[in-house]
Structure formats: structure tokens, C-alpha cells
N, C-alpha and C. Protein backbone atom coordinates (compact mmCIF):
# COMPACT_ATOMS: atom_id res chain seq x y z
N MET A 1 -7.47 -24.85 -30.38
CA MET A 1 -8.53 -24.54 -31.32
C MET A 1 -8.14 -24.96 -32.73
N LEU A 2 -6.86 -24.82 -33.06
CA LEU A 2 -6.44 -25.19 -34.41
C LEU A 2 -6.57 -26.69 -34.64
N LEU A 3 -6.31 -27.48 -33.60
CA LEU A 3 -6.46 -28.93 -33.75
C LEU A 3 -7.93 -29.32 -33.92
N ILE A 4 -8.81 -28.66 -33.21
CA ILE A 4 -10.24 -28.97 -33.30
C ILE A 4 -10.78 -28.65 -34.69
N THR A 5 -10.41 -27.49 -35.20
CA THR A 5 -10.94 -27.06 -36.49
C THR A 5 -10.23 -27.72 -37.67
N GLY A 6 -9.08 -28.33 -37.42
CA GLY A 6 -8.36 -29.00 -38.48
C GLY A 6 -7.47 -28.08 -39.30
N VAL A 7 -7.30 -26.84 -38.84
CA VAL A 7 -6.46 -25.88 -39.54
C VAL A 7 -4.99 -26.27 -39.43
N ALA A 8 -4.61 -26.75 -38.26
CA ALA A 8 -3.21 -27.09 -38.02
C ALA A 8 -2.92 -28.46 -38.62
N GLU A 9 -2.29 -28.47 -39.75
CA GLU A 9 -1.88 -29.70 -40.41
C GLU A 9 -0.38 -29.88 -40.16
N VAL A 10 -0.06 -30.70 -39.18
CA VAL A 10 1.33 -30.93 -38.83
C VAL A 10 1.72 -32.31 -39.32
N ASP A 11 2.79 -32.38 -40.07
CA ASP A 11 3.24 -33.67 -40.58
C ASP A 11 3.72 -34.54 -39.42
N GLY A 12 3.35 -35.78 -39.46
CA GLY A 12 3.81 -36.73 -38.46
C GLY A 12 2.95 -36.80 -37.21
N VAL A 13 1.84 -36.06 -37.15
CA VAL A 13 0.96 -36.10 -35.99
C VAL A 13 -0.28 -36.89 -36.39
N SER A 14 -0.49 -38.00 -35.71
CA SER A 14 -1.63 -38.85 -36.05
C SER A 14 -2.90 -38.33 -35.39
N SER A 15 -4.02 -38.85 -35.81
CA SER A 15 -5.29 -38.45 -35.21
C SER A 15 -5.39 -38.89 -33.76
N ALA A 16 -4.76 -40.01 -33.43
CA ALA A 16 -4.75 -40.46 -32.03
C ALA A 16 -3.97 -39.49 -31.15
N GLN A 17 -2.85 -38.98 -31.67
CA GLN A 17 -2.08 -38.00 -30.91
C GLN A 17 -2.87 -36.71 -30.72
N LYS A 18 -3.58 -36.28 -31.74
CA LYS A 18 -4.41 -35.09 -31.62
C LYS A 18 -5.49 -35.30 -30.57
N PHE A 19 -6.12 -36.48 -30.58
CA PHE A 19 -7.18 -36.78 -29.62
C PHE A 19 -6.65 -36.70 -28.19
N TRP A 20 -5.52 -37.36 -27.91
CA TRP A 20 -4.97 -37.37 -26.56
C TRP A 20 -4.50 -35.99 -26.13
N THR A 21 -4.02 -35.22 -27.07
CA THR A 21 -3.63 -33.86 -26.74
C THR A 21 -4.85 -33.05 -26.32
N LEU A 22 -5.92 -33.17 -27.08
CA LEU A 22 -7.13 -32.40 -26.77
C LEU A 22 -7.85 -32.91 -25.53
N ALA A 23 -7.91 -34.22 -25.36
CA ALA A 23 -8.70 -34.81 -24.29
C ALA A 23 -7.96 -34.87 -22.96
N LEU A 24 -6.66 -35.03 -22.99
CA LEU A 24 -5.93 -35.28 -21.74
C LEU A 24 -5.06 -34.12 -21.32
N TRP A 25 -4.23 -33.60 -22.21
CA TRP A 25 -3.23 -32.63 -21.79
C TRP A 25 -3.75 -31.20 -21.77
N ASN A 26 -4.46 -30.77 -22.77
CA ASN A 26 -4.91 -29.37 -22.84
C ASN A 26 -5.79 -28.96 -21.67
N PRO A 27 -6.73 -29.79 -21.20
CA PRO A 27 -7.52 -29.37 -20.04
C PRO A 27 -6.67 -29.09 -18.79
N TRP A 28 -5.60 -29.86 -18.60
CA TRP A 28 -4.73 -29.62 -17.45
C TRP A 28 -3.99 -28.30 -17.57
N PHE A 29 -3.55 -27.96 -18.78
CA PHE A 29 -2.88 -26.68 -18.97
C PHE A 29 -3.85 -25.52 -18.77
N ILE A 30 -5.07 -25.68 -19.24
CA ILE A 30 -6.08 -24.63 -19.04
C ILE A 30 -6.39 -24.47 -17.56
N LEU A 31 -6.60 -25.57 -16.87
CA LEU A 31 -6.88 -25.53 -15.43
C LEU A 31 -5.71 -24.89 -14.68
N GLY A 32 -4.49 -25.26 -15.03
CA GLY A 32 -3.32 -24.67 -14.37
C GLY A 32 -3.25 -23.18 -14.60
N GLY A 33 -3.56 -22.73 -15.81
CA GLY A 33 -3.55 -21.30 -16.10
C GLY A 33 -4.60 -20.54 -15.31
N VAL A 34 -5.78 -21.12 -15.20
CA VAL A 34 -6.86 -20.48 -14.44
C VAL A 34 -6.48 -20.41 -12.97
N LEU A 35 -5.96 -21.50 -12.41
CA LEU A 35 -5.57 -21.50 -11.00
C LEU A 35 -4.43 -20.52 -10.73
N PHE A 36 -3.48 -20.45 -11.63
CA PHE A 36 -2.39 -19.50 -11.48
C PHE A 36 -2.92 -18.07 -11.50
N GLY A 37 -3.83 -17.78 -12.42
CA GLY A 37 -4.42 -16.45 -12.49
C GLY A 37 -5.19 -16.09 -11.22
N LEU A 38 -5.95 -17.05 -10.69
CA LEU A 38 -6.69 -16.80 -9.45
C LEU A 38 -5.75 -16.58 -8.27
N ALA A 39 -4.68 -17.35 -8.22
CA ALA A 39 -3.70 -17.18 -7.14
C ALA A 39 -3.03 -15.81 -7.24
N ALA A 40 -2.68 -15.39 -8.43
CA ALA A 40 -2.06 -14.07 -8.61
C ALA A 40 -3.02 -12.96 -8.24
N ARG A 41 -4.28 -13.12 -8.62
CA ARG A 41 -5.29 -12.12 -8.28
C ARG A 41 -5.49 -12.03 -6.76
N SER A 42 -5.56 -13.19 -6.12
CA SER A 42 -5.73 -13.22 -4.67
C SER A 42 -4.52 -12.61 -3.96
N PHE A 43 -3.34 -12.90 -4.46
CA PHE A 43 -2.12 -12.34 -3.88
C PHE A 43 -2.11 -10.82 -4.02
N GLY A 44 -2.51 -10.34 -5.18
CA GLY A 44 -2.56 -8.90 -5.40
C GLY A 44 -3.54 -8.21 -4.49
N LYS A 45 -4.69 -8.82 -4.28
CA LYS A 45 -5.69 -8.24 -3.36
C LYS A 45 -5.17 -8.26 -1.93
N GLY A 46 -4.47 -9.32 -1.55
CA GLY A 46 -3.91 -9.40 -0.20
C GLY A 46 -2.85 -8.34 0.04
N MET A 47 -2.04 -8.06 -0.97
CA MET A 47 -1.01 -7.05 -0.83
C MET A 47 -1.62 -5.66 -0.72
N THR A 48 -2.70 -5.40 -1.41
CA THR A 48 -3.37 -4.11 -1.35
C THR A 48 -3.91 -3.87 0.06
N GLY A 49 -4.52 -4.88 0.63
CA GLY A 49 -5.04 -4.75 1.99
C GLY A 49 -3.94 -4.55 3.00
N GLU A 50 -2.80 -5.18 2.79
CA GLU A 50 -1.68 -5.03 3.71
C GLU A 50 -1.11 -3.63 3.66
N VAL A 51 -1.01 -3.05 2.47
CA VAL A 51 -0.51 -1.69 2.32
C VAL A 51 -1.45 -0.71 2.99
N GLU A 52 -2.75 -0.89 2.80
CA GLU A 52 -3.74 -0.02 3.44
C GLU A 52 -3.65 -0.12 4.96
N LEU A 53 -3.47 -1.32 5.48
CA LEU A 53 -3.37 -1.53 6.91
C LEU A 53 -2.14 -0.82 7.47
N ARG A 54 -1.03 -0.90 6.77
CA ARG A 54 0.20 -0.22 7.22
C ARG A 54 0.00 1.29 7.24
N SER A 55 -0.68 1.84 6.23
CA SER A 55 -0.87 3.29 6.20
C SER A 55 -1.81 3.74 7.31
N ILE A 56 -2.77 2.92 7.68
CA ILE A 56 -3.71 3.28 8.75
C ILE A 56 -3.00 3.23 10.09
N THR A 57 -2.20 2.21 10.33
CA THR A 57 -1.52 2.06 11.61
C THR A 57 -0.35 3.02 11.75
N ALA A 58 0.17 3.57 10.67
CA ALA A 58 1.30 4.51 10.74
C ALA A 58 0.86 5.88 11.23
N HIS A 59 -0.43 6.20 11.07
CA HIS A 59 -0.91 7.52 11.48
C HIS A 59 -1.28 7.55 12.89
């Protein structure tokens, strides 16, 4: 967001570097974060179901 708004003024970073960072690299990091979050959420739900199953079969 800082690169888009122009707030981040970093010496030695050209406008071409900013463009490639925004257009190429940042979307991959965002996608990776979303997929990691979904995987963690799915894993957590799977573990909850497994614990419930164990408690039902133990009785």
C-alpha cells in the first residue's frame, strides 16, 4: 500500500522496480498467505472432528 500511495520513498528504488514489485511479486505473496490461511483453517477443522470422533467411540 505504501508503494501505491507513494508514501514509501526509498532511496535507490526506481519506478520500474516498484512496478514489478507491485505487479509480479506482491500478488504471489498475497495468494500464498491466503492459501496458507485456508490450509490452516481446514487442518484445524479436521482436528476438531477427529477429537469428537475419538470421544464418541471411547464411550
